[in-house]
C-alpha atoms as a PDB file:
ATOM      1  CA  MET A   1      44.673  46.470 -50.373  1.00  0.00           C
ATOM      2  CA  ILE A   2      47.496  44.536 -52.012  1.00  0.00           C
ATOM      3  CA  THR A   3      46.947  42.223 -54.957  1.00  0.00           C
ATOM      4  CA  GLY A   4      49.094  40.799 -57.755  1.00  0.00           C
ATOM      5  CA  ARG A   5      47.291  37.945 -59.473  1.00  0.00           C
ATOM      6  CA  GLU A   6      49.214  35.279 -61.370  1.00  0.00           C
ATOM      7  CA  PRO A   7      49.181  35.636 -65.186  1.00  0.00           C
ATOM      8  CA  ASP A   8      46.849  32.631 -65.615  1.00  0.00           C
ATOM      9  CA  GLY A   9      44.342  34.050 -63.125  1.00  0.00           C
ATOM     10  CA  THR A  10      45.125  31.698 -60.237  1.00  0.00           C
ATOM     11  CA  PRO A  11      45.498  33.335 -56.829  1.00  0.00           C
ATOM     12  CA  ARG A  12      48.955  34.229 -55.529  1.00  0.00           C
ATOM     13  CA  VAL A  13      48.405  32.525 -52.175  1.00  0.00           C
ATOM     14  CA  SER A  14      46.434  29.545 -50.902  1.00  0.00           C
ATOM     15  CA  VAL A  15      45.572  29.517 -47.212  1.00  0.00           C
ATOM     16  CA  VAL A  16      44.647  25.920 -46.456  1.00  0.00           C
ATOM     17  CA  ILE A  17      42.803  25.013 -43.259  1.00  0.00           C
ATOM     18  CA  PRO A  18      42.565  21.343 -42.233  1.00  0.00           C
ATOM     19  CA  LEU A  19      39.342  21.228 -40.219  1.00  0.00           C
ATOM     20  CA  TYR A  20      38.218  18.741 -37.594  1.00  0.00           C
ATOM     21  CA  GLN A  21      35.782  19.453 -34.752  1.00  0.00           C
ATOM     22  CA  LYS A  22      36.543  23.179 -34.394  1.00  0.00           C
ATOM     23  CA  GLU A  23      33.031  24.639 -34.376  1.00  0.00           C
ATOM     24  CA  ARG A  24      33.933  27.047 -31.585  1.00  0.00           C
ATOM     25  CA  TYR A  25      36.940  28.530 -33.380  1.00  0.00           C
ATOM     26  CA  ILE A  26      36.756  28.119 -37.163  1.00  0.00           C
ATOM     27  CA  GLY A  27      34.656  31.264 -37.644  1.00  0.00           C
ATOM     28  CA  ARG A  28      37.302  33.420 -36.002  1.00  0.00           C
ATOM     29  CA  THR A  29      40.045  31.687 -37.965  1.00  0.00           C
ATOM     30  CA  LEU A  30      38.305  32.346 -41.285  1.00  0.00           C
ATOM     31  CA  ALA A  31      37.533  35.941 -40.325  1.00  0.00           C
ATOM     32  CA  SER A  32      41.218  36.559 -39.617  1.00  0.00           C
ATOM     33  CA  VAL A  33      42.135  35.347 -43.106  1.00  0.00           C
ATOM     34  CA  LEU A  34      39.433  37.353 -44.855  1.00  0.00           C
ATOM     35  CA  ALA A  35      40.627  40.506 -43.038  1.00  0.00           C
ATOM     36  CA  GLN A  36      44.042  40.416 -44.758  1.00  0.00           C
ATOM     37  CA  THR A  37      45.379  43.571 -46.433  1.00  0.00           C
ATOM     38  CA  PHE A  38      46.707  41.290 -49.190  1.00  0.00           C
ATOM     39  CA  THR A  39      43.608  40.134 -51.032  1.00  0.00           C
ATOM     40  CA  ASP A  40      44.741  37.836 -53.860  1.00  0.00           C
ATOM     41  CA  PHE A  41      44.281  34.531 -52.091  1.00  0.00           C
ATOM     42  CA  GLU A  42      41.996  31.529 -51.862  1.00  0.00           C
ATOM     43  CA  VAL A  43      40.990  29.753 -48.666  1.00  0.00           C
ATOM     44  CA  VAL A  44      40.724  25.979 -48.912  1.00  0.00           C
ATOM     45  CA  VAL A  45      38.951  24.464 -45.903  1.00  0.00           C
ATOM     46  CA  LEU A  46      39.235  20.677 -45.792  1.00  0.00           C
ATOM     47  CA  ASP A  47      36.504  19.093 -43.674  1.00  0.00           C
ATOM     48  CA  ASN A  48      37.965  15.926 -42.194  1.00  0.00           C
ATOM     49  CA  ALA A  49      34.499  14.375 -41.739  1.00  0.00           C
ATOM     50  CA  CYS A  50      33.501  16.669 -38.864  1.00  0.00           C
ATOM     51  CA  THR A  51      30.506  15.624 -36.780  1.00  0.00           C
ATOM     52  CA  ASP A  52      29.978  18.949 -34.982  1.00  0.00           C
ATOM     53  CA  GLY A  53      28.778  22.229 -36.511  1.00  0.00           C
ATOM     54  CA  SER A  54      32.127  23.226 -38.008  1.00  0.00           C
ATOM     55  CA  VAL A  55      31.012  22.840 -41.624  1.00  0.00           C
ATOM     56  CA  ASP A  56      27.898  24.951 -41.047  1.00  0.00           C
ATOM     57  CA  VAL A  57      30.082  27.756 -39.733  1.00  0.00           C
ATOM     58  CA  VAL A  58      32.239  27.635 -42.866  1.00  0.00           C
ATOM     59  CA  ARG A  59      29.173  27.657 -45.115  1.00  0.00           C
ATOM     60  CA  SER A  60      27.942  30.801 -43.383  1.00  0.00           C
ATOM     61  CA  PHE A  61      30.779  32.810 -44.956  1.00  0.00           C
ATOM     62  CA  ASP A  62      29.630  34.361 -48.216  1.00  0.00           C
ATOM     63  CA  ASP A  63      32.979  35.000 -49.887  1.00  0.00           C
ATOM     64  CA  PRO A  64      33.966  33.511 -53.264  1.00  0.00           C
ATOM     65  CA  ARG A  65      37.542  33.031 -52.069  1.00  0.00           C
ATOM     66  CA  VAL A  66      36.431  30.383 -49.558  1.00  0.00           C
ATOM     67  CA  ARG A  67      36.288  26.835 -50.941  1.00  0.00           C
ATOM     68  CA  LEU A  68      35.010  23.969 -48.784  1.00  0.00           C
ATOM     69  CA  GLU A  69      36.264  20.455 -49.552  1.00  0.00           C
ATOM     70  CA  HIS A  70      35.416  17.195 -47.786  1.00  0.00           C
ATOM     71  CA  ASN A  71      37.005  13.908 -46.802  1.00  0.00           C
ATOM     72  CA  PRO A  72      34.456  11.070 -46.935  1.00  0.00           C
ATOM     73  CA  ALA A  73      35.903   9.690 -43.673  1.00  0.00           C
ATOM     74  CA  THR A  74      38.251  11.021 -41.013  1.00  0.00           C
ATOM     75  CA  ILE A  75      41.910  10.421 -41.844  1.00  0.00           C
ATOM     76  CA  PRO A  76      45.053  10.940 -39.685  1.00  0.00           C
ATOM     77  CA  ALA A  77      46.392  14.473 -39.325  1.00  0.00           C
ATOM     78  CA  PRO A  78      49.495  14.053 -41.542  1.00  0.00           C
ATOM     79  CA  ALA A  79      47.402  12.676 -44.412  1.00  0.00           C
ATOM     80  CA  ASN A  80      44.800  15.395 -43.909  1.00  0.00           C
ATOM     81  CA  PHE A  81      47.422  18.158 -44.009  1.00  0.00           C
ATOM     82  CA  ARG A  82      48.945  16.677 -47.174  1.00  0.00           C
ATOM     83  CA  ARG A  83      45.575  16.479 -48.912  1.00  0.00           C
ATOM     84  CA  ALA A  84      44.801  20.072 -47.920  1.00  0.00           C
ATOM     85  CA  VAL A  85      47.952  21.267 -49.678  1.00  0.00           C
ATOM     86  CA  GLU A  86      47.214  19.070 -52.694  1.00  0.00           C
ATOM     87  CA  LEU A  87      43.929  20.974 -53.103  1.00  0.00           C
ATOM     88  CA  ALA A  88      45.703  24.357 -53.165  1.00  0.00           C
ATOM     89  CA  ARG A  89      46.006  26.132 -56.523  1.00  0.00           C
ATOM     90  CA  ALA A  90      48.442  28.939 -55.699  1.00  0.00           C
ATOM     91  CA  PRO A  91      52.265  28.942 -55.911  1.00  0.00           C
ATOM     92  CA  LEU A  92      52.521  30.166 -52.296  1.00  0.00           C
ATOM     93  CA  VAL A  93      50.859  28.241 -49.469  1.00  0.00           C
ATOM     94  CA  LYS A  94      50.085  28.862 -45.808  1.00  0.00           C
ATOM     95  CA  VAL A  95      48.710  26.009 -43.700  1.00  0.00           C
ATOM     96  CA  LEU A  96      46.616  27.416 -40.872  1.00  0.00           C
ATOM     97  CA  SER A  97      45.219  25.316 -38.042  1.00  0.00           C
ATOM     98  CA  ALA A  98      41.447  25.641 -37.734  1.00  0.00           C
ATOM     99  CA  ASP A  99      41.612  27.359 -34.331  1.00  0.00           C
ATOM    100  CA  ASP A 100      44.553  29.717 -34.965  1.00  0.00           C
ATOM    101  CA  LEU A 101      44.608  33.288 -36.289  1.00  0.00           C
ATOM    102  CA  ILE A 102      46.688  35.424 -38.613  1.00  0.00           C
ATOM    103  CA  TYR A 103      46.989  39.165 -38.177  1.00  0.00           C
ATOM    104  CA  PRO A 104      45.904  41.561 -40.974  1.00  0.00           C
ATOM    105  CA  THR A 105      49.308  42.148 -42.603  1.00  0.00           C
ATOM    106  CA  ALA A 106      50.604  38.570 -42.350  1.00  0.00           C
ATOM    107  CA  LEU A 107      50.196  37.645 -46.011  1.00  0.00           C
ATOM    108  CA  ALA A 108      51.343  41.027 -47.312  1.00  0.00           C
ATOM    109  CA  GLU A 109      54.568  40.970 -45.299  1.00  0.00           C
ATOM    110  CA  GLN A 110      55.423  37.365 -46.034  1.00  0.00           C
ATOM    111  CA  VAL A 111      54.610  37.502 -49.751  1.00  0.00           C
ATOM    112  CA  ALA A 112      56.902  40.532 -50.017  1.00  0.00           C
ATOM    113  CA  VAL A 113      59.798  38.508 -48.572  1.00  0.00           C
ATOM    114  CA  LEU A 114      59.310  35.625 -51.011  1.00  0.00           C
ATOM    115  CA  ASP A 115      58.845  37.989 -53.953  1.00  0.00           C
ATOM    116  CA  ALA A 116      62.132  39.715 -53.132  1.00  0.00           C
ATOM    117  CA  ASP A 117      64.039  36.399 -53.069  1.00  0.00           C
ATOM    118  CA  PRO A 118      62.833  33.919 -55.725  1.00  0.00           C
ATOM    119  CA  ALA A 119      65.209  31.206 -54.438  1.00  0.00           C
ATOM    120  CA  LEU A 120      63.787  31.311 -50.918  1.00  0.00           C
ATOM    121  CA  PRO A 121      61.422  28.405 -50.082  1.00  0.00           C
ATOM    122  CA  LEU A 122      60.138  29.473 -46.669  1.00  0.00           C
ATOM    123  CA  VAL A 123      59.468  32.520 -44.521  1.00  0.00           C
ATOM    124  CA  SER A 124      58.254  32.439 -40.918  1.00  0.00           C
ATOM    125  CA  CYS A 125      57.378  34.930 -38.186  1.00  0.00           C
ATOM    126  CA  ARG A 126      56.618  35.112 -34.476  1.00  0.00           C
ATOM    127  CA  HIS A 127      53.260  34.368 -32.872  1.00  0.00           C
ATOM    128  CA  ASP A 128      51.230  35.196 -29.801  1.00  0.00           C
ATOM    129  CA  LEU A 129      49.719  32.501 -27.615  1.00  0.00           C
ATOM    130  CA  VAL A 130      45.980  33.038 -27.030  1.00  0.00           C
ATOM    131  CA  ASP A 131      43.297  31.299 -25.000  1.00  0.00           C
ATOM    132  CA  ASP A 132      39.738  30.283 -25.923  1.00  0.00           C
ATOM    133  CA  ASP A 133      38.554  33.894 -25.795  1.00  0.00           C
ATOM    134  CA  ASP A 134      41.429  35.361 -27.863  1.00  0.00           C
ATOM    135  CA  ARG A 135      43.118  36.796 -24.775  1.00  0.00           C
ATOM    136  CA  VAL A 136      46.887  36.903 -25.222  1.00  0.00           C
ATOM    137  CA  MET A 137      48.628  34.612 -22.753  1.00  0.00           C
ATOM    138  CA  SER A 138      52.142  35.154 -24.083  1.00  0.00           C
ATOM    139  CA  ARG A 139      53.566  37.434 -26.772  1.00  0.00           C
ATOM    140  CA  ASP A 140      56.176  37.168 -29.500  1.00  0.00           C
ATOM    141  CA  ARG A 141      56.977  33.464 -29.365  1.00  0.00           C
ATOM    142  CA  ALA A 142      59.343  31.629 -31.773  1.00  0.00           C
ATOM    143  CA  LEU A 143      62.433  32.898 -33.619  1.00  0.00           C
ATOM    144  CA  ARG A 144      64.013  33.950 -30.330  1.00  0.00           C
ATOM    145  CA  SER A 145      67.636  33.447 -31.404  1.00  0.00           C
ATOM    146  CA  ARG A 146      69.434  35.894 -33.685  1.00  0.00           C
ATOM    147  CA  ASP A 147      70.561  33.163 -36.058  1.00  0.00           C
ATOM    148  CA  LEU A 148      66.907  32.544 -37.043  1.00  0.00           C
ATOM    149  CA  LEU A 149      66.209  36.145 -38.079  1.00  0.00           C
ATOM    150  CA  GLY A 150      66.697  37.370 -41.621  1.00  0.00           C
ATOM    151  CA  ARG A 151      68.079  35.167 -44.389  1.00  0.00           C
ATOM    152  CA  GLN A 152      69.679  31.975 -43.042  1.00  0.00           C
ATOM    153  CA  ASP A 153      71.126  28.895 -44.699  1.00  0.00           C
ATOM    154  CA  ALA A 154      69.944  25.341 -44.109  1.00  0.00           C
ATOM    155  CA  THR A 155      72.925  24.359 -41.943  1.00  0.00           C
ATOM    156  CA  THR A 156      72.288  27.185 -39.471  1.00  0.00           C
ATOM    157  CA  VAL A 157      68.599  26.303 -39.159  1.00  0.00           C
ATOM    158  CA  ILE A 158      69.138  22.553 -38.767  1.00  0.00           C
ATOM    159  CA  ARG A 159      71.729  23.112 -36.038  1.00  0.00           C
ATOM    160  CA  ARG A 160      69.388  25.482 -34.217  1.00  0.00           C
ATOM    161  CA  ILE A 161      66.556  22.920 -34.295  1.00  0.00           C
ATOM    162  CA  VAL A 162      68.819  20.276 -32.755  1.00  0.00           C
ATOM    163  CA  ARG A 163      69.968  22.711 -30.070  1.00  0.00           C
ATOM    164  CA  HIS A 164      66.433  23.839 -29.270  1.00  0.00           C
ATOM    165  CA  ARG A 165      64.830  20.359 -29.198  1.00  0.00           C
ATOM    166  CA  GLY A 166      61.428  21.918 -29.836  1.00  0.00           C
ATOM    167  CA  SER A 167      60.005  24.015 -32.646  1.00  0.00           C
ATOM    168  CA  PRO A 168      62.020  27.266 -32.728  1.00  0.00           C
ATOM    169  CA  LEU A 169      60.696  28.268 -36.166  1.00  0.00           C
ATOM    170  CA  GLY A 170      57.067  28.569 -35.056  1.00  0.00           C
ATOM    171  CA  VAL A 171      53.766  26.832 -35.717  1.00  0.00           C
ATOM    172  CA  PRO A 172      52.259  26.144 -39.175  1.00  0.00           C
ATOM    173  CA  GLY A 173      50.336  29.429 -39.263  1.00  0.00           C
ATOM    174  CA  ASN A 174      53.614  31.334 -38.919  1.00  0.00           C
ATOM    175  CA  MET A 175      54.936  29.974 -42.191  1.00  0.00           C
ATOM    176  CA  LEU A 176      54.442  30.735 -45.874  1.00  0.00           C
ATOM    177  CA  PHE A 177      56.175  28.436 -48.365  1.00  0.00           C
ATOM    178  CA  ARG A 178      56.551  27.833 -52.064  1.00  0.00           C
ATOM    179  CA  ARG A 179      54.541  24.928 -53.438  1.00  0.00           C
ATOM    180  CA  THR A 180      57.436  23.913 -55.688  1.00  0.00           C
ATOM    181  CA  ALA A 181      59.727  23.551 -52.663  1.00  0.00           C
ATOM    182  CA  TYR A 182      57.031  21.645 -50.771  1.00  0.00           C
ATOM    183  CA  ASP A 183      56.663  19.142 -53.607  1.00  0.00           C
ATOM    184  CA  ALA A 184      60.439  18.770 -53.965  1.00  0.00           C
ATOM    185  CA  ALA A 185      60.795  18.197 -50.205  1.00  0.00           C
ATOM    186  CA  GLY A 186      58.188  15.446 -50.126  1.00  0.00           C
ATOM    187  CA  GLY A 187      55.528  17.336 -48.182  1.00  0.00           C
ATOM    188  CA  PHE A 188      54.544  16.829 -44.569  1.00  0.00           C
ATOM    189  CA  PRO A 189      56.249  14.010 -42.642  1.00  0.00           C
ATOM    190  CA  ASP A 190      54.305  11.095 -41.172  1.00  0.00           C
ATOM    191  CA  ASN A 191      55.272  12.077 -37.619  1.00  0.00           C
ATOM    192  CA  PRO A 192      52.245  14.041 -36.280  1.00  0.00           C
ATOM    193  CA  TYR A 193      54.415  15.875 -33.736  1.00  0.00           C
ATOM    194  CA  ALA A 194      56.678  17.178 -36.506  1.00  0.00           C
ATOM    195  CA  LEU A 195      54.067  18.488 -38.922  1.00  0.00           C
ATOM    196  CA  ASP A 196      55.413  22.029 -38.510  1.00  0.00           C
ATOM    197  CA  ILE A 197      59.080  21.649 -37.641  1.00  0.00           C
ATOM    198  CA  GLY A 198      59.476  18.508 -39.749  1.00  0.00           C
ATOM    199  CA  LEU A 199      58.164  20.222 -42.860  1.00  0.00           C
ATOM    200  CA  ALA A 200      60.295  23.305 -42.176  1.00  0.00           C
ATOM    201  CA  ALA A 201      63.404  21.160 -41.764  1.00  0.00           C
ATOM    202  CA  ARG A 202      62.692  19.613 -45.168  1.00  0.00           C
ATOM    203  CA  LEU A 203      61.935  22.924 -46.869  1.00  0.00           C
ATOM    204  CA  VAL A 204      65.130  24.702 -45.781  1.00  0.00           C
ATOM    205  CA  GLU A 205      67.139  22.068 -47.689  1.00  0.00           C
ATOM    206  CA  HIS A 206      65.734  23.651 -50.852  1.00  0.00           C
ATOM    207  CA  GLY A 207      67.033  27.199 -50.468  1.00  0.00           C
ATOM    208  CA  GLY A 208      67.267  28.251 -46.830  1.00  0.00           C
ATOM    209  CA  PHE A 209      65.020  30.247 -44.543  1.00  0.00           C
ATOM    210  CA  HIS A 210      63.958  33.789 -43.680  1.00  0.00           C
ATOM    211  CA  GLY A 211      62.757  34.712 -40.191  1.00  0.00           C
ATOM    212  CA  LEU A 212      60.717  37.874 -39.707  1.00  0.00           C
ATOM    213  CA  PRO A 213      61.035  39.525 -36.271  1.00  0.00           C
ATOM    214  CA  ARG A 214      57.349  40.447 -36.495  1.00  0.00           C
ATOM    215  CA  THR A 215      54.447  38.802 -34.675  1.00  0.00           C
ATOM    216  CA  LEU A 216      51.920  38.065 -37.421  1.00  0.00           C
ATOM    217  CA  SER A 217      49.871  35.158 -36.092  1.00  0.00           C
ATOM    218  CA  ALA A 218      48.296  33.694 -32.967  1.00  0.00           C
ATOM    219  CA  PHE A 219      48.432  30.092 -31.790  1.00  0.00           C
ATOM    220  CA  ARG A 220      45.458  28.991 -29.729  1.00  0.00           C
ATOM    221  CA  LEU A 221      45.974  26.912 -26.621  1.00  0.00           C
ATOM    222  CA  ALA A 222      42.404  25.664 -26.544  1.00  0.00           C
ATOM    223  CA  THR A 223      40.805  24.177 -23.449  1.00  0.00           C
ATOM    224  CA  GLY A 224      41.566  20.473 -23.277  1.00  0.00           C
ATOM    225  CA  SER A 225      43.794  20.572 -26.358  1.00  0.00           C
ATOM    226  CA  VAL A 226      46.683  18.804 -24.619  1.00  0.00           C
ATOM    227  CA  THR A 227      45.995  15.846 -22.334  1.00  0.00           C
ATOM    228  CA  SER A 228      48.591  14.116 -20.196  1.00  0.00           C
ATOM    229  CA  THR A 229      48.476  11.119 -22.535  1.00  0.00           C
ATOM    230  CA  ALA A 230      49.046  13.347 -25.568  1.00  0.00           C
ATOM    231  CA  PHE A 231      51.897  15.074 -23.753  1.00  0.00           C
ATOM    232  CA  ARG A 232      53.730  11.797 -23.167  1.00  0.00           C
ATOM    233  CA  ARG A 233      53.126  10.718 -26.745  1.00  0.00           C
ATOM    234  CA  ASN A 234      54.426  14.029 -28.090  1.00  0.00           C
ATOM    235  CA  ILE A 235      57.642  13.744 -26.109  1.00  0.00           C
ATOM    236  CA  GLY A 236      58.255  10.339 -27.674  1.00  0.00           C
ATOM    237  CA  LEU A 237      57.496  11.635 -31.162  1.00  0.00           C
ATOM    238  CA  GLN A 238      59.766  14.615 -30.551  1.00  0.00           C
ATOM    239  CA  HIS A 239      62.676  12.298 -29.736  1.00  0.00           C
ATOM    240  CA  GLN A 240      61.929  10.226 -32.820  1.00  0.00           C
ATOM    241  CA  PHE A 241      61.981  13.321 -35.029  1.00  0.00           C
ATOM    242  CA  LEU A 242      65.301  14.502 -33.577  1.00  0.00           C
ATOM    243  CA  ARG A 243      66.916  11.096 -34.095  1.00  0.00           C
ATOM    244  CA  GLU A 244      65.798  11.055 -37.719  1.00  0.00           C
ATOM    245  CA  LEU A 245      66.989  14.629 -38.234  1.00  0.00           C
ATOM    246  CA  ARG A 246      70.445  13.809 -36.861  1.00  0.00           C
ATOM    247  CA  ASP A 247      70.672  10.741 -39.089  1.00  0.00           C
ATOM    248  CA  ARG A 248      69.677  12.777 -42.131  1.00  0.00           C
ATOM    249  CA  HIS A 249      72.151  15.587 -41.456  1.00  0.00           C
ATOM    250  CA  ARG A 250      75.182  13.849 -40.001  1.00  0.00           C
ATOM    251  CA  ASP A 251      77.368  15.964 -42.292  1.00  0.00           C
ATOM    252  CA  VAL A 252      76.363  19.284 -40.667  1.00  0.00           C
ATOM    253  CA  ILE A 253      75.193  18.507 -37.123  1.00  0.00           C
ATOM    254  CA  ARG A 254      78.081  18.748 -34.683  1.00  0.00           C
ATOM    255  CA  ARG A 255      78.531  16.910 -31.407  1.00  0.00           C
ATOM    256  CA  ARG A 256      78.328  20.276 -29.675  1.00  0.00           C
ATOM    257  CA  ASP A 257      74.848  20.872 -31.125  1.00  0.00           C
ATOM    258  CA  VAL A 258      73.612  17.556 -29.731  1.00  0.00           C
ATOM    259  CA  VAL A 259      75.126  18.182 -26.293  1.00  0.00           C
ATOM    260  CA  ILE A 260      73.611  21.664 -26.070  1.00  0.00           C
ATOM    261  CA  GLY A 261      70.235  20.204 -27.033  1.00  0.00           C
ATOM    262  CA  LEU A 262      70.424  17.497 -24.393  1.00  0.00           C
ATOM    263  CA  LEU A 263      71.371  20.034 -21.724  1.00  0.00           C
ATOM    264  CA  ARG A 264      68.460  22.219 -22.795  1.00  0.00           C
ATOM    265  CA  GLU A 265      65.899  19.415 -22.900  1.00  0.00           C
ATOM    266  CA  PRO A 266      64.678  19.825 -19.287  1.00  0.00           C
ATOM    267  CA  LEU A 267      63.859  23.464 -20.090  1.00  0.00           C
ATOM    268  CA  THR A 268      62.025  22.490 -23.268  1.00  0.00           C
ATOM    269  CA  THR A 269      60.082  19.787 -21.433  1.00  0.00           C
ATOM    270  CA  ALA A 270      59.178  22.185 -18.618  1.00  0.00           C
ATOM    271  CA  ARG A 271      57.841  24.689 -21.125  1.00  0.00           C
ATOM    272  CA  GLN A 272      55.778  21.998 -22.844  1.00  0.00           C
ATOM    273  CA  ARG A 273      54.366  20.869 -19.494  1.00  0.00           C
ATOM    274  CA  LEU A 274      53.432  24.452 -18.722  1.00  0.00           C
ATOM    275  CA  MET A 275      51.612  24.774 -22.038  1.00  0.00           C
ATOM    276  CA  ALA A 276      49.775  21.508 -21.388  1.00  0.00           C
ATOM    277  CA  ALA A 277      48.786  22.629 -17.900  1.00  0.00           C
ATOM    278  CA  ALA A 278      47.525  25.947 -19.266  1.00  0.00           C
ATOM    279  CA  SER A 279      45.060  24.045 -21.447  1.00  0.00           C
ATOM    280  CA  THR A 280      42.307  24.469 -18.857  1.00  0.00           C
ATOM    281  CA  ASP A 281      39.097  26.419 -18.472  1.00  0.00           C
ATOM    282  CA  PRO A 282      40.007  30.136 -18.967  1.00  0.00           C
ATOM    283  CA  ALA A 283      37.726  31.046 -16.057  1.00  0.00           C
ATOM    284  CA  SER A 284      39.521  28.783 -13.619  1.00  0.00           C
ATOM    285  CA  ARG A 285      41.969  29.993 -10.985  1.00  0.00           C
ATOM    286  CA  ARG A 286      44.529  27.509 -12.270  1.00  0.00           C
ATOM    287  CA  HIS A 287      44.359  28.960 -15.770  1.00  0.00           C
ATOM    288  CA  ARG A 288      44.733  32.549 -14.520  1.00  0.00           C
ATOM    289  CA  TRP A 289      47.776  31.584 -12.470  1.00  0.00           C
ATOM    290  CA  LEU A 290      49.344  29.737 -15.386  1.00  0.00           C
ATOM    291  CA  ARG A 291      48.615  32.620 -17.739  1.00  0.00           C
ATOM    292  CA  ALA A 292      50.553  34.956 -15.445  1.00  0.00           C
ATOM    293  CA  THR A 293      53.377  32.427 -15.227  1.00  0.00           C
ATOM    294  CA  VAL A 294      53.598  32.067 -19.003  1.00  0.00           C
ATOM    295  CA  ASP A 295      53.648  35.844 -19.455  1.00  0.00           C
ATOM    296  CA  LEU A 296      56.658  36.035 -17.165  1.00  0.00           C
ATOM    297  CA  ARG A 297      58.500  33.129 -18.755  1.00  0.00           C
ATOM    298  CA  ALA A 298      61.549  35.082 -20.040  1.00  0.00           C
ATOM    299  CA  SER A 299      63.771  32.132 -19.218  1.00  0.00           C
ATOM    300  CA  VAL A 300      61.758  29.628 -21.236  1.00  0.00           C
ATOM    301  CA  ARG A 301      60.991  31.558 -24.408  1.00  0.00           C
ATOM    302  CA  GLY A 302      60.805  29.465 -27.545  1.00  0.00           C
END
């Protein structure tokens, strides 16, 4: 087991879990964190006024590293994510969705990267895509281009985001960041679509990025998690985020980056539609067919 407590006794890492109506999954999410080979962490679970049995599941874990906090009323996702980080005590933070998983060496490998480079604000990794029953639907997603692996500067990452038109750096559970950089960057954006990629785009401005070619987490495509209405809304929010990113980085984003992104957009949209369609009952024929399709999606890897 790997430790390394801060001099004042605070944990090295805070894993924060914004929680809302995830009774079916939160137990597995917490278990994946508590199984880490790196042990000097706290887990902050923020109950966003759940009305199901999610909180009871959290309370069933008898581990002093788990701290349960509550919102008196349900608040929007961006505000909930920001409050979850505000409750963290450690200098390094991972935000983990309440239905996702991290693999046993995730914290150890990512802490080692940040320890080796004190100026680095953010490290990310690849993830698997899993269904309700933890069956892997697709492996090794995110960080699929060589210019996102290893140490990269902010310009390279911003240009890649514009070219990709999705989230090439991964989902929140892939990332570990410095709290100081998070505070300097202004935290999570208001755009709920861009909670992951929007924060990452802000963080890289404060020292760059490191991409690990290792798959250290799992993103859950839960049944019913993406409706057709949500899909249309997300496309609109995606376009809004990209417009704001281009406005913010006019000095580094080239016309070529924008053109490549626009040409790639049909592919990105098709992949997102496939993910939305796969959000069905795992026992259904449709889900099994889509799972096979996703596994063979070499041309649409993100």
